[in-house]
C-alpha cells in the first residue's frame, strides 16, 4: 500500500515479485568496501541518487559521474553543499525515487 502498482518507475504489477509496485523491504542493500589512503569522500545515499536502469528507474548518477563531481569539488568543498548538489542533479537527471544523501570528507590517515 505504500507504493501502489504502476505509480513508480514503469514497473508493472507483479513483474518484480511484489504485488504493489516495488514494495517496501526492511533489508537494505549494503556492501563492504575497505578504505585506502587514496579515498577522499564517503557518500551514503538512498538508491534514488543512482541510475537504476535495471529496475526501470533511469535517471540519477552513475559511479563515474559521481566520483568526477566530488573530485572536481576539491578538498575544501562543503559536505552539506555537495550533498545538496548531488541530490538536485540526480532529480535533474531523471531520478523518480526519493534521494537522500550524506557526504563525508575523509581526512589523511595517521
Protein backbone atom coordinates (compact mmCIF):
# COMPACT_ATOMS: atom_id res chain seq x y z
CA UNK A 1 0.00 0.00 0.00
CA UNK A 2 2.99 2.34 0.37
CA UNK A 3 3.94 2.15 -3.31
CA UNK A 4 0.93 1.24 -5.39
CA UNK A 5 1.16 -0.52 -8.73
CA UNK A 6 2.01 1.50 -11.83
CA UNK A 7 2.89 4.58 -9.78
CA UNK A 8 6.66 4.33 -9.82
CA UNK A 9 9.36 3.85 -12.44
CA UNK A 10 7.48 1.82 -15.02
CA UNK A 11 7.17 -1.44 -13.11
CA UNK A 12 4.01 -3.35 -13.96
CA UNK A 13 2.23 -5.05 -11.05
CA UNK A 14 3.71 -8.43 -10.25
CA UNK A 15 6.58 -8.24 -12.74
CA UNK A 16 9.18 -7.96 -9.99
CA UNK A 17 7.62 -10.33 -7.46
CA UNK A 18 5.80 -7.65 -5.49
CA UNK A 19 2.07 -7.25 -5.74
CA UNK A 20 2.21 -3.46 -5.45
CA UNK A 21 4.96 -1.78 -7.46
CA UNK A 22 8.37 -2.23 -5.87
CA UNK A 23 7.03 -2.73 -2.40
CA UNK A 24 8.98 -1.65 0.63
CA UNK A 25 11.51 -4.00 2.16
CA UNK A 26 13.24 -3.88 5.52
CA UNK A 27 16.51 -5.40 4.26
CA UNK A 28 18.79 -2.70 2.81
CA UNK A 29 21.39 -3.41 0.14
CA UNK A 30 24.79 -2.97 1.73
CA UNK A 31 28.34 -3.70 0.74
CA UNK A 32 31.69 -3.56 2.49
CA UNK A 33 34.48 -1.65 0.83
CA UNK A 34 37.87 -1.19 2.51
CA UNK A 35 39.06 2.42 2.54
CA UNK A 36 42.51 3.29 1.24
CA UNK A 37 44.72 6.33 1.63
CA UNK A 38 43.59 7.44 -1.83
CA UNK A 39 39.91 7.70 -0.81
CA UNK A 40 38.78 11.30 -0.28
CA UNK A 41 35.00 11.15 0.11
CA UNK A 42 32.35 8.83 1.52
CA UNK A 43 28.81 9.09 0.15
CA UNK A 44 25.96 7.37 1.96
CA UNK A 45 22.79 7.58 -0.10
CA UNK A 46 19.45 6.04 -0.92
CA UNK A 47 19.03 4.33 -4.27
CA UNK A 48 17.30 7.40 -5.71
CA UNK A 49 20.71 9.04 -6.10
CA UNK A 50 21.83 6.43 -8.61
CA UNK A 51 20.90 5.44 -12.14
CA UNK A 52 18.86 2.25 -11.89
CA UNK A 53 18.22 1.19 -15.47
CA UNK A 54 17.92 -2.48 -14.46
CA UNK A 55 14.79 -1.83 -12.45
CA UNK A 56 13.23 0.71 -14.76
CA UNK A 57 14.25 3.81 -12.81
CA UNK A 58 16.69 5.52 -15.12
CA UNK A 59 17.97 8.93 -14.13
CA UNK A 60 20.38 9.58 -11.31
CA UNK A 61 24.16 9.32 -11.15
CA UNK A 62 26.48 6.59 -12.31
CA UNK A 63 29.58 5.93 -10.18
CA UNK A 64 32.00 7.61 -12.60
CA UNK A 65 29.94 10.81 -12.78
CA UNK A 66 29.53 10.98 -9.02
CA UNK A 67 33.26 10.43 -8.42
CA UNK A 68 34.11 13.06 -11.04
CA UNK A 69 31.93 15.68 -9.38
CA UNK A 70 33.44 15.00 -5.96
CA UNK A 71 36.97 15.15 -7.36
CA UNK A 72 36.23 18.41 -9.18
CA UNK A 73 34.81 19.94 -5.99
CA UNK A 74 38.19 19.77 -4.30
CA UNK A 75 39.19 19.16 -0.69
CA UNK A 76 37.76 22.40 0.71
CA UNK A 77 34.20 21.82 -0.57
CA UNK A 78 31.33 21.85 1.91
CA UNK A 79 29.89 18.38 2.56
CA UNK A 80 26.41 19.87 3.03
CA UNK A 81 26.56 21.79 -0.25
CA UNK A 82 27.91 18.75 -2.13
CA UNK A 83 25.10 16.55 -0.80
CA UNK A 84 22.54 19.13 -1.88
CA UNK A 85 24.11 19.46 -5.34
CA UNK A 86 24.26 15.67 -5.81
CA UNK A 87 20.60 15.26 -4.86
CA UNK A 88 19.47 18.15 -7.06
CA UNK A 89 21.41 16.82 -10.05
CA UNK A 90 20.01 13.29 -9.56
CA UNK A 91 16.50 14.70 -9.91
CA UNK A 92 17.58 16.73 -12.96
CA UNK A 93 18.97 13.50 -14.48
CA UNK A 94 15.55 11.91 -14.08
CA UNK A 95 15.54 10.08 -10.75
CA UNK A 96 11.97 9.28 -9.75
CA UNK A 97 12.75 7.78 -6.34
CA UNK A 98 13.50 9.51 -3.04
CA UNK A 99 17.00 10.97 -2.98
CA UNK A 100 18.70 11.04 0.41
CA UNK A 101 22.41 11.87 0.56
CA UNK A 102 25.11 12.31 3.20
CA UNK A 103 28.63 13.29 2.10
CA UNK A 104 31.65 12.93 4.37
CA UNK A 105 35.18 14.17 3.70
CA UNK A 106 37.82 11.62 4.62
CA UNK A 107 40.95 13.01 6.21
CA UNK A 108 44.52 11.80 5.99
CA UNK A 109 45.26 8.56 7.79
CA UNK A 110 47.85 8.55 10.53
